Amino acid sequence: MKKKDTTFYKIGKPLTAFIIKLFFHPKVIGLENIPKKGRILLAGNHTKWLDPVTLVGVTKRQIHFLAKEELFHGKAGWIVRGMGCVPVNRKIHDKNALQEAIDYLKEDLCVGIFPEGTINRTEDVIMPFKIGAVKSCYEANAELIPFIITGKYKVFGKSVTIEFLKPRKIGENLEEENNQFMEIVKNKLIEGKKSNE
């Protein structure tokens, strides 16, 4: 596997962390659930385009996100490539992207996936999870760390909360594992919504 150039990630991470903390003051719960080493996959709900930026800012591990292929083109493409992201063609069942994620995990790296596949702009609490996250974990014998993002991004507010749950191993029944994973995130989102009412 050819490793990606992640120079921009390494240079930009301290600045990203500073900006996120300065403007949004996110509340972070369960950061101790992210091991310092080893193959892990972070996966959770997707609320805004700021989600991956915030995750970079609050975590210590370098995260290789799966990102839609369109982001790799245009003026901002060099940023996405410099972050070490994996391009995903959302028009097809992109086996190449999935295999690349598995390869990264087998190198004891950290991969980030938003299993809804896109930002949730519906009225539903959560959209159905694609199976790629649990499949990648199973194939690479990696641990899945669910995260839940609640609240809204308000400048100089303290309304965004990110919670990282304990790592979990994925069994061979991927459909059942995916459903359980989705229910865990969904229930946490419902709890968070009730507490903010």
Foldseek 3Di string as FASTA:
>chain_A
DDAAAQPLLVVCLVVLLVVCCQWFVEAEADLVQDDPWAQEEEEEAAADPCVVSVVSNPHDFQEAEEDEQVCCDDDNNVVNRNSRHQYDDPVDPDPVSLVVSLVCRLVGGYYYYYQLRDHDPDPDLGHQGDLSRLVSCQSNVHWYKYKEWDADRGTVDHGIYIYIDHTDHHDPPSVVSSVVSVVVRSVVSVVRVVVVD
